[in-house]
Amino acid sequence: DTTYASSVRGRFTISRDNTKNTVDLQMSSLKPED
């Protein structure tokens, strides 16, 4: 399950790779306030 701050919802995606033991944050439509 994922949750997002309202300011980034729809633009950022959190995901994980259990085999690599990593967590990524994909960010798009970036704004100066990010």
Full PDB file with SEQRES, HELIX, SHEET, SSBOND, CRYST1, ORIGX, SCALE, CONECT and MASTER records, all heavy atoms in Angstrom:
SEQRES   1 A   34  ASP THR THR TYR ALA SER SER VAL ARG GLY ARG PHE THR          
SEQRES   2 A   34  ILE SER ARG ASP ASN THR LYS ASN THR VAL ASP LEU GLN          
SEQRES   3 A   34  MET SER SER LEU LYS PRO GLU ASP                              
SHEET    1 AA1 2 PHE A  12  ASP A  17  0                                        
SHEET    2 AA1 2 THR A  22  MET A  27 -1                                        
CRYST1    1.000    1.000    1.000  90.00  90.00  90.00 P 1           1          
ORIGX1      1.000000  0.000000  0.000000        0.00000                         
ORIGX2      0.000000  1.000000  0.000000        0.00000                         
ORIGX3      0.000000  0.000000  1.000000        0.00000                         
SCALE1      1.000000  0.000000  0.000000        0.00000                         
SCALE2      0.000000  1.000000  0.000000        0.00000                         
SCALE3      0.000000  0.000000  1.000000        0.00000                         
ATOM      1  N   ASP A   1       0.844  -1.194   0.000  1.00  0.00           N  
ATOM      2  CA  ASP A   1       0.000   0.000   0.000  1.00  0.00           C  
ATOM      3  C   ASP A   1       0.878   1.243   0.000  1.00  0.00           C  
ATOM      4  O   ASP A   1       1.921   1.282   0.659  1.00  0.00           O  
ATOM      5  CB  ASP A   1      -0.906   0.022   1.223  1.00  0.00           C  
ATOM      6  CG  ASP A   1      -1.925  -1.104   1.192  1.00  0.00           C  
ATOM      7  OD1 ASP A   1      -2.364  -1.484   0.083  1.00  0.00           O  
ATOM      8  OD2 ASP A   1      -2.270  -1.621   2.268  1.00  0.00           O  
ATOM      9  N   THR A   2       0.438   2.256  -0.734  1.00  0.00           N  
ATOM     10  CA  THR A   2       1.225   3.478  -0.845  1.00  0.00           C  
ATOM     11  C   THR A   2       0.410   4.691  -0.408  1.00  0.00           C  
ATOM     12  O   THR A   2      -0.816   4.709  -0.531  1.00  0.00           O  
ATOM     13  CB  THR A   2       1.701   3.703  -2.284  1.00  0.00           C  
ATOM     14  OG1 THR A   2       0.569   3.734  -3.169  1.00  0.00           O  
ATOM     15  CG2 THR A   2       2.639   2.594  -2.726  1.00  0.00           C  
ATOM     16  N   THR A   3       1.103   5.679   0.115  1.00  0.00           N  
ATOM     17  CA  THR A   3       0.493   6.954   0.457  1.00  0.00           C  
ATOM     18  C   THR A   3       1.405   8.069  -0.027  1.00  0.00           C  
ATOM     19  O   THR A   3       2.627   7.882  -0.115  1.00  0.00           O  
ATOM     20  CB  THR A   3       0.256   7.109   1.964  1.00  0.00           C  
ATOM     21  OG1 THR A   3       1.515   6.966   2.646  1.00  0.00           O  
ATOM     22  CG2 THR A   3      -0.702   6.052   2.489  1.00  0.00           C  
ATOM     23  N   TYR A   4       0.788   9.199  -0.344  1.00  0.00           N  
ATOM     24  CA  TYR A   4       1.529  10.333  -0.881  1.00  0.00           C  
ATOM     25  C   TYR A   4       1.062  11.628  -0.247  1.00  0.00           C  
ATOM     26  O   TYR A   4      -0.107  11.780   0.104  1.00  0.00           O  
ATOM     27  CB  TYR A   4       1.329  10.437  -2.401  1.00  0.00           C  
ATOM     28  CG  TYR A   4       1.830   9.240  -3.171  1.00  0.00           C  
ATOM     29  CD1 TYR A   4       0.981   8.183  -3.474  1.00  0.00           C  
ATOM     30  CD2 TYR A   4       3.155   9.178  -3.588  1.00  0.00           C  
ATOM     31  CE1 TYR A   4       1.442   7.076  -4.169  1.00  0.00           C  
ATOM     32  CE2 TYR A   4       3.626   8.071  -4.294  1.00  0.00           C  
ATOM     33  CZ  TYR A   4       2.768   7.030  -4.568  1.00  0.00           C  
ATOM     34  OH  TYR A   4       3.231   5.942  -5.272  1.00  0.00           O  
ATOM     35  N   ALA A   5       1.990  12.566  -0.137  1.00  0.00           N  
ATOM     36  CA  ALA A   5       1.604  13.914   0.235  1.00  0.00           C  
ATOM     37  C   ALA A   5       0.729  14.481  -0.881  1.00  0.00           C  
ATOM     38  O   ALA A   5       0.934  14.168  -2.065  1.00  0.00           O  
ATOM     39  CB  ALA A   5       2.843  14.779   0.426  1.00  0.00           C  
ATOM     40  N   SER A   6      -0.216  15.301  -0.511  1.00  0.00           N  
ATOM     41  CA  SER A   6      -1.141  15.847  -1.505  1.00  0.00           C  
ATOM     42  C   SER A   6      -0.402  16.662  -2.570  1.00  0.00           C  
ATOM     43  O   SER A   6      -0.826  16.719  -3.726  1.00  0.00           O  
ATOM     44  CB  SER A   6      -2.199  16.716  -0.827  1.00  0.00           C  
ATOM     45  OG  SER A   6      -1.581  17.770  -0.104  1.00  0.00           O  
ATOM     46  N   SER A   7       0.728  17.248  -2.176  1.00  0.00           N  
ATOM     47  CA  SER A   7       1.481  18.096  -3.105  1.00  0.00           C  
ATOM     48  C   SER A   7       2.181  17.307  -4.209  1.00  0.00           C  
ATOM     49  O   SER A   7       2.576  17.889  -5.220  1.00  0.00           O  
ATOM     50  CB  SER A   7       2.508  18.926  -2.334  1.00  0.00           C  
ATOM     51  OG  SER A   7       3.412  18.082  -1.636  1.00  0.00           O  
ATOM     52  N   VAL A   8       2.340  15.996  -4.019  1.00  0.00           N  
ATOM     53  CA  VAL A   8       3.050  15.198  -5.018  1.00  0.00           C  
ATOM     54  C   VAL A   8       2.174  14.108  -5.640  1.00  0.00           C  
ATOM     55  O   VAL A   8       2.606  13.444  -6.585  1.00  0.00           O  
ATOM     56  CB  VAL A   8       4.317  14.550  -4.423  1.00  0.00           C  
ATOM     57  CG1 VAL A   8       5.200  15.596  -3.768  1.00  0.00           C  
ATOM     58  CG2 VAL A   8       3.972  13.435  -3.448  1.00  0.00           C  
ATOM     59  N   ARG A   9       0.982  13.932  -5.106  1.00  0.00           N  
ATOM     60  CA  ARG A   9       0.126  12.839  -5.597  1.00  0.00           C  
ATOM     61  C   ARG A   9      -0.171  13.035  -7.088  1.00  0.00           C  
ATOM     62  O   ARG A   9      -0.514  14.111  -7.541  1.00  0.00           O  
ATOM     63  CB  ARG A   9      -1.174  12.803  -4.798  1.00  0.00           C  
ATOM     64  CG  ARG A   9      -2.014  11.551  -5.034  1.00  0.00           C  
ATOM     65  CD  ARG A   9      -3.214  11.516  -4.098  1.00  0.00           C  
ATOM     66  NE  ARG A   9      -2.791  11.409  -2.700  1.00  0.00           N  
ATOM     67  CZ  ARG A   9      -3.100  12.329  -1.784  1.00  0.00           C  
ATOM     68  NH1 ARG A   9      -3.797  13.394  -2.127  1.00  0.00           N  
ATOM     69  NH2 ARG A   9      -2.696  12.160  -0.545  1.00  0.00           N  
ATOM     70  N   GLY A  10      -0.005  11.947  -7.826  1.00  0.00           N  
ATOM     71  CA  GLY A  10      -0.218  12.009  -9.271  1.00  0.00           C  
ATOM     72  C   GLY A  10       1.052  12.336 -10.050  1.00  0.00           C  
ATOM     73  O   GLY A  10       1.089  12.179 -11.269  1.00  0.00           O  
ATOM     74  N   ARG A  11       2.087  12.794  -9.343  1.00  0.00           N  
ATOM     75  CA  ARG A  11       3.352  13.129 -10.008  1.00  0.00           C  
ATOM     76  C   ARG A  11       4.494  12.211  -9.568  1.00  0.00           C  
ATOM     77  O   ARG A  11       5.416  11.955 -10.334  1.00  0.00           O  
ATOM     78  CB  ARG A  11       3.750  14.579  -9.709  1.00  0.00           C  
ATOM     79  CG  ARG A  11       2.725  15.603 -10.171  1.00  0.00           C  
ATOM     80  CD  ARG A  11       3.246  17.028 -10.011  1.00  0.00           C  
ATOM     81  NE  ARG A  11       3.533  17.373  -8.627  1.00  0.00           N  
ATOM     82  CZ  ARG A  11       4.735  17.738  -8.173  1.00  0.00           C  
ATOM     83  NH1 ARG A  11       5.763  17.798  -8.990  1.00  0.00           N  
ATOM     84  NH2 ARG A  11       4.903  18.064  -6.887  1.00  0.00           N  
ATOM     85  N   PHE A  12       4.422  11.739  -8.315  1.00  0.00           N  
ATOM     86  CA  PHE A  12       5.477  10.887  -7.769  1.00  0.00           C  
ATOM     87  C   PHE A  12       4.943   9.463  -7.590  1.00  0.00           C  
ATOM     88  O   PHE A  12       3.760   9.269  -7.287  1.00  0.00           O  
ATOM     89  CB  PHE A  12       5.936  11.392  -6.405  1.00  0.00           C  
ATOM     90  CG  PHE A  12       6.730  12.683  -6.437  1.00  0.00           C  
ATOM     91  CD1 PHE A  12       6.792  13.479  -7.569  1.00  0.00           C  
ATOM     92  CD2 PHE A  12       7.414  13.094  -5.310  1.00  0.00           C  
ATOM     93  CE1 PHE A  12       7.513  14.664  -7.591  1.00  0.00           C  
ATOM     94  CE2 PHE A  12       8.148  14.276  -5.300  1.00  0.00           C  
ATOM     95  CZ  PHE A  12       8.196  15.057  -6.452  1.00  0.00           C  
ATOM     96  N   THR A  13       5.832   8.489  -7.737  1.00  0.00           N  
ATOM     97  CA  THR A  13       5.476   7.089  -7.517  1.00  0.00           C  
ATOM     98  C   THR A  13       6.570   6.417  -6.695  1.00  0.00           C  
ATOM     99  O   THR A  13       7.745   6.458  -7.070  1.00  0.00           O  
ATOM    100  CB  THR A  13       5.311   6.345  -8.844  1.00  0.00           C  
ATOM    101  OG1 THR A  13       4.298   6.983  -9.630  1.00  0.00           O  
ATOM    102  CG2 THR A  13       4.897   4.895  -8.584  1.00  0.00           C  
ATOM    103  N   ILE A  14       6.163   5.798  -5.599  1.00  0.00           N  
ATOM    104  CA  ILE A  14       7.105   5.044  -4.775  1.00  0.00           C  
ATOM    105  C   ILE A  14       6.963   3.567  -5.114  1.00  0.00           C  
ATOM    106  O   ILE A  14       5.849   3.064  -5.315  1.00  0.00           O  
ATOM    107  CB  ILE A  14       6.868   5.297  -3.268  1.00  0.00           C  
ATOM    108  CG1 ILE A  14       7.975   4.662  -2.430  1.00  0.00           C  
ATOM    109  CG2 ILE A  14       5.487   4.834  -2.831  1.00  0.00           C  
ATOM    110  CD1 ILE A  14       7.927   5.062  -0.952  1.00  0.00           C  
ATOM    111  N   SER A  15       8.089   2.873  -5.171  1.00  0.00           N  
ATOM    112  CA  SER A  15       8.057   1.449  -5.475  1.00  0.00           C  
ATOM    113  C   SER A  15       9.254   0.785  -4.807  1.00  0.00           C  
ATOM    114  O   SER A  15      10.192   1.462  -4.371  1.00  0.00           O  
ATOM    115  CB  SER A  15       8.101   1.214  -6.988  1.00  0.00           C  
ATOM    116  OG  SER A  15       9.308   1.710  -7.535  1.00  0.00           O  
ATOM    117  N   ARG A  16       9.202  -0.519  -4.745  1.00  0.00           N  
ATOM    118  CA  ARG A  16      10.327  -1.223  -4.140  1.00  0.00           C  
ATOM    119  C   ARG A  16      10.683  -2.451  -4.977  1.00  0.00           C  
ATOM    120  O   ARG A  16       9.841  -2.997  -5.696  1.00  0.00           O  
ATOM    121  CB  ARG A  16      10.014  -1.634  -2.698  1.00  0.00           C  
ATOM    122  CG  ARG A  16       8.904  -2.640  -2.565  1.00  0.00           C  
ATOM    123  CD  ARG A  16       8.844  -3.244  -1.166  1.00  0.00           C  
ATOM    124  NE  ARG A  16       7.826  -4.278  -1.123  1.00  0.00           N  
ATOM    125  CZ  ARG A  16       6.698  -4.173  -0.436  1.00  0.00           C  
ATOM    126  NH1 ARG A  16       6.460  -3.070   0.259  1.00  0.00           N  
ATOM    127  NH2 ARG A  16       5.824  -5.153  -0.447  1.00  0.00           N  
ATOM    128  N   ASP A  17      11.930  -2.865  -4.860  1.00  0.00           N  
ATOM    129  CA  ASP A  17      12.425  -4.068  -5.510  1.00  0.00           C  
ATOM    130  C   ASP A  17      13.006  -4.955  -4.418  1.00  0.00           C  
ATOM    131  O   ASP A  17      14.089  -4.693  -3.897  1.00  0.00           O  
ATOM    132  CB  ASP A  17      13.494  -3.704  -6.553  1.00  0.00           C  
ATOM    133  CG  ASP A  17      13.924  -4.907  -7.384  1.00  0.00           C  
ATOM    134  OD1 ASP A  17      13.979  -6.024  -6.839  1.00  0.00           O  
ATOM    135  OD2 ASP A  17      14.236  -4.718  -8.567  1.00  0.00           O  
ATOM    136  N   ASN A  18      12.262  -5.997  -4.065  1.00  0.00           N  
ATOM    137  CA  ASN A  18      12.685  -6.849  -2.955  1.00  0.00           C  
ATOM    138  C   ASN A  18      13.971  -7.610  -3.266  1.00  0.00           C  
ATOM    139  O   ASN A  18      14.762  -7.895  -2.366  1.00  0.00           O  
ATOM    140  CB  ASN A  18      11.575  -7.823  -2.602  1.00  0.00           C  
ATOM    141  CG  ASN A  18      10.360  -7.137  -1.989  1.00  0.00           C  
ATOM    142  OD1 ASN A  18      10.439  -5.974  -1.583  1.00  0.00           O  
ATOM    143  ND2 ASN A  18       9.241  -7.836  -1.963  1.00  0.00           N  
ATOM    144  N   THR A  19      14.205  -7.928  -4.542  1.00  0.00           N  
ATOM    145  CA  THR A  19      15.412  -8.679  -4.877  1.00  0.00           C  
ATOM    146  C   THR A  19      16.657  -7.809  -4.780  1.00  0.00           C  
ATOM    147  O   THR A  19      17.726  -8.269  -4.359  1.00  0.00           O  
ATOM    148  CB  THR A  19      15.306  -9.273  -6.284  1.00  0.00           C  
ATOM    149  OG1 THR A  19      15.101  -8.216  -7.221  1.00  0.00           O  
ATOM    150  CG2 THR A  19      14.154 -10.251  -6.371  1.00  0.00           C  
ATOM    151  N   LYS A  20      16.509  -6.536  -5.148  1.00  0.00           N  
ATOM    152  CA  LYS A  20      17.630  -5.609  -5.040  1.00  0.00           C  
ATOM    153  C   LYS A  20      17.688  -4.935  -3.675  1.00  0.00           C  
ATOM    154  O   LYS A  20      18.678  -4.292  -3.337  1.00  0.00           O  
ATOM    155  CB  LYS A  20      17.548  -4.540  -6.124  1.00  0.00           C  
ATOM    156  CG  LYS A  20      17.683  -5.066  -7.546  1.00  0.00           C  
ATOM    157  CD  LYS A  20      17.593  -3.935  -8.551  1.00  0.00           C  
ATOM    158  CE  LYS A  20      17.736  -4.435  -9.975  1.00  0.00           C  
ATOM    159  NZ  LYS A  20      17.624  -3.330 -10.967  1.00  0.00           N  
ATOM    160  N   ASN A  21      16.592  -5.090  -2.906  1.00  0.00           N  
ATOM    161  CA  ASN A  21      16.463  -4.443  -1.601  1.00  0.00           C  
ATOM    162  C   ASN A  21      16.587  -2.922  -1.719  1.00  0.00           C  
ATOM    163  O   ASN A  21      17.327  -2.264  -0.972  1.00  0.00           O  
ATOM    164  CB  ASN A  21      17.491  -4.968  -0.596  1.00  0.00           C  
ATOM    165  CG  ASN A  21      16.953  -4.960   0.822  1.00  0.00           C  
ATOM    166  OD1 ASN A  21      15.754  -5.157   1.057  1.00  0.00           O  
ATOM    167  ND2 ASN A  21      17.826  -4.713   1.788  1.00  0.00           N  
ATOM    168  N   THR A  22      15.840  -2.377  -2.677  1.00  0.00           N  
ATOM    169  CA  THR A  22      15.849  -0.942  -2.915  1.00  0.00           C  
ATOM    170  C   THR A  22      14.422  -0.390  -2.935  1.00  0.00           C  
ATOM    171  O   THR A  22      13.461  -1.126  -3.195  1.00  0.00           O  
ATOM    172  CB  THR A  22      16.521  -0.592  -4.253  1.00  0.00           C  
ATOM    173  OG1 THR A  22      15.850  -1.279  -5.316  1.00  0.00           O  
ATOM    174  CG2 THR A  22      17.987  -0.982  -4.253  1.00  0.00           C  
ATOM    175  N   VAL A  23      14.324   0.890  -2.668  1.00  0.00           N  
ATOM    176  CA  VAL A  23      13.065   1.613  -2.766  1.00  0.00           C  
ATOM    177  C   VAL A  23      13.308   2.830  -3.647  1.00  0.00           C  
ATOM    178  O   VAL A  23      14.232   3.611  -3.388  1.00  0.00           O  
ATOM    179  CB  VAL A  23      12.557   2.058  -1.392  1.00  0.00           C  
ATOM    180  CG1 VAL A  23      11.258   2.862  -1.536  1.00  0.00           C  
ATOM    181  CG2 VAL A  23      12.329   0.851  -0.493  1.00  0.00           C  
ATOM    182  N   ASP A  24      12.508   2.980  -4.678  1.00  0.00           N  
ATOM    183  CA  ASP A  24      12.660   4.087  -5.609  1.00  0.00           C  
ATOM    184  C   ASP A  24      11.555   5.118  -5.447  1.00  0.00           C  
ATOM    185  O   ASP A  24      10.436   4.788  -5.018  1.00  0.00           O  
ATOM    186  CB  ASP A  24      12.638   3.573  -7.053  1.00  0.00           C  
ATOM    187  CG  ASP A  24      13.904   2.831  -7.423  1.00  0.00           C  
ATOM    188  OD1 ASP A  24      14.859   2.821  -6.614  1.00  0.00           O  
ATOM    189  OD2 ASP A  24      13.942   2.262  -8.528  1.00  0.00           O  
ATOM    190  N   LEU A  25      11.882   6.338  -5.828  1.00  0.00           N  
ATOM    191  CA  LEU A  25      10.883   7.396  -5.903  1.00  0.00           C  
ATOM    192  C   LEU A  25      10.992   8.010  -7.290  1.00  0.00           C  
ATOM    193  O   LEU A  25      11.959   8.704  -7.598  1.00  0.00           O  
ATOM    194  CB  LEU A  25      11.124   8.465  -4.829  1.00  0.00           C  
ATOM    195  CG  LEU A  25      10.066   9.562  -4.759  1.00  0.00           C  
ATOM    196  CD1 LEU A  25       8.735   9.003  -4.267  1.00  0.00           C  
ATOM    197  CD2 LEU A  25      10.521  10.706  -3.846  1.00  0.00           C  
ATOM    198  N   GLN A  26      10.009   7.712  -8.122  1.00  0.00           N  
ATOM    199  CA  GLN A  26       9.955   8.266  -9.470  1.00  0.00           C  
ATOM    200  C   GLN A  26       9.220   9.590  -9.405  1.00  0.00           C  
ATOM    201  O   GLN A  26       8.084   9.647  -8.931  1.00  0.00           O  
ATOM    202  CB  GLN A  26       9.251   7.307 -10.421  1.00  0.00           C  
ATOM    203  CG  GLN A  26       9.979   5.990 -10.609  1.00  0.00           C  
ATOM    204  CD  GLN A  26       9.165   5.022 -11.454  1.00  0.00           C  
ATOM    205  OE1 GLN A  26       8.218   4.393 -10.999  1.00  0.00           O  
ATOM    206  NE2 GLN A  26       9.527   4.911 -12.714  1.00  0.00           N  
ATOM    207  N   MET A  27       9.873  10.633  -9.882  1.00  0.00           N  
ATOM    208  CA  MET A  27       9.307  11.974  -9.798  1.00  0.00           C  
ATOM    209  C   MET A  27       9.159  12.544 -11.210  1.00  0.00           C  
ATOM    210  O   MET A  27      10.124  12.520 -11.987  1.00  0.00           O  
ATOM    211  CB  MET A  27      10.216  12.881  -8.962  1.00  0.00           C  
ATOM    212  CG  MET A  27      10.538  12.330  -7.580  1.00  0.00           C  
ATOM    213  SD  MET A  27      11.559  13.438  -6.584  1.00  0.00           S  
ATOM    214  CE  MET A  27      13.067  13.428  -7.535  1.00  0.00           C  
ATOM    215  N   SER A  28       8.002  13.028 -11.518  1.00  0.00           N  
ATOM    216  CA  SER A  28       7.758  13.622 -12.827  1.00  0.00           C  
ATOM    217  C   SER A  28       7.046  14.957 -12.657  1.00  0.00           C  
ATOM    218  O   SER A  28       6.577  15.289 -11.561  1.00  0.00           O  
ATOM    219  CB  SER A  28       6.935  12.678 -13.708  1.00  0.00           C  
ATOM    220  OG  SER A  28       5.673  12.439 -13.132  1.00  0.00           O  
ATOM    221  N   SER A  29       6.966  15.697 -13.753  1.00  0.00           N  
ATOM    222  CA  SER A  29       6.347  17.032 -13.723  1.00  0.00           C  
ATOM    223  C   SER A  29       6.889  17.853 -12.557  1.00  0.00           C  
ATOM    224  O   SER A  29       6.129  18.490 -11.820  1.00  0.00           O  
ATOM    225  CB  SER A  29       4.823  16.911 -13.634  1.00  0.00           C  
ATOM    226  OG  SER A  29       4.306  16.178 -14.717  1.00  0.00           O  
ATOM    227  N   LEU A  30       8.171  17.831 -12.415  1.00  0.00           N  
ATOM    228  CA  LEU A  30       8.810  18.478 -11.265  1.00  0.00           C  
ATOM    229  C   LEU A  30       8.631  19.987 -11.315  1.00  0.00           C  
ATOM    230  O   LEU A  30       8.638  20.596 -12.390  1.00  0.00           O  
ATOM    231  CB  LEU A  30      10.284  18.107 -11.199  1.00  0.00           C  
ATOM    232  CG  LEU A  30      10.551  16.691 -10.662  1.00  0.00           C  
ATOM    233  CD1 LEU A  30      11.948  16.218 -11.032  1.00  0.00           C  
ATOM    234  CD2 LEU A  30      10.344  16.650  -9.163  1.00  0.00           C  
ATOM    235  N   LYS A  31       8.468  20.550 -10.117  1.00  0.00           N  
ATOM    236  CA  LYS A  31       8.256  21.982  -9.951  1.00  0.00           C  
ATOM    237  C   LYS A  31       9.380  22.571  -9.095  1.00  0.00           C  
ATOM    238  O   LYS A  31      10.001  21.840  -8.307  1.00  0.00           O  
ATOM    239  CB  LYS A  31       6.921  22.224  -9.249  1.00  0.00           C  
ATOM    240  CG  LYS A  31       5.726  21.571  -9.909  1.00  0.00           C  
ATOM    241  CD  LYS A  31       4.472  21.747  -9.059  1.00  0.00           C  
ATOM    242  CE  LYS A  31       3.272  21.068  -9.693  1.00  0.00           C  
ATOM    243  NZ  LYS A  31       2.037  21.236  -8.871  1.00  0.00           N  
ATOM    244  N   PRO A  32       9.614  23.850  -9.210  1.00  0.00           N  
ATOM    245  CA  PRO A  32      10.655  24.464  -8.369  1.00  0.00           C  
ATOM    246  C   PRO A  32      10.430  24.210  -6.879  1.00  0.00           C  
ATOM    247  O   PRO A  32      11.403  24.067  -6.123  1.00  0.00           O  
ATOM    248  CB  PRO A  32      10.533  25.949  -8.711  1.00  0.00           C  
ATOM    249  CG  PRO A  32      10.050  25.955 -10.122  1.00  0.00           C  
ATOM    250  CD  PRO A  32       9.095  24.798 -10.213  1.00  0.00           C  
ATOM    251  N   GLU A  33       9.162  24.117  -6.472  1.00  0.00           N  
ATOM    252  CA  GLU A  33       8.885  23.881  -5.060  1.00  0.00           C  
ATOM    253  C   GLU A  33       9.196  22.456  -4.614  1.00  0.00           C  
ATOM    254  O   GLU A  33       9.091  22.141  -3.433  1.00  0.00           O  
ATOM    255  CB  GLU A  33       7.423  24.224  -4.724  1.00  0.00           C  
ATOM    256  CG  GLU A  33       6.396  23.605  -5.654  1.00  0.00           C  
ATOM    257  CD  GLU A  33       5.965  24.550  -6.760  1.00  0.00           C  
ATOM    258  OE1 GLU A  33       6.836  25.237  -7.346  1.00  0.00           O  
ATOM    259  OE2 GLU A  33       4.746  24.596  -7.054  1.00  0.00           O  
ATOM    260  N   ASP A  34       9.563  21.585  -5.542  1.00  0.00           N  
ATOM    261  CA  ASP A  34      10.023  20.242  -5.175  1.00  0.00           C  
ATOM    262  C   ASP A  34      11.495  20.238  -4.778  1.00  0.00           C  
ATOM    263  O   ASP A  34      12.016  19.215  -4.328  1.00  0.00           O  
ATOM    264  CB  ASP A  34       9.816  19.269  -6.334  1.00  0.00           C  
ATOM    265  CG  ASP A  34       8.354  19.035  -6.666  1.00  0.00           C  
ATOM    266  OD1 ASP A  34       7.549  18.889  -5.731  1.00  0.00           O  
ATOM    267  OD2 ASP A  34       8.023  19.000  -7.880  1.00  0.00           O  
TER     268      ASP A  34                                                      
MASTER        0    0    0    0    2    0    0    6  267    1    0    3          
END                                                                             
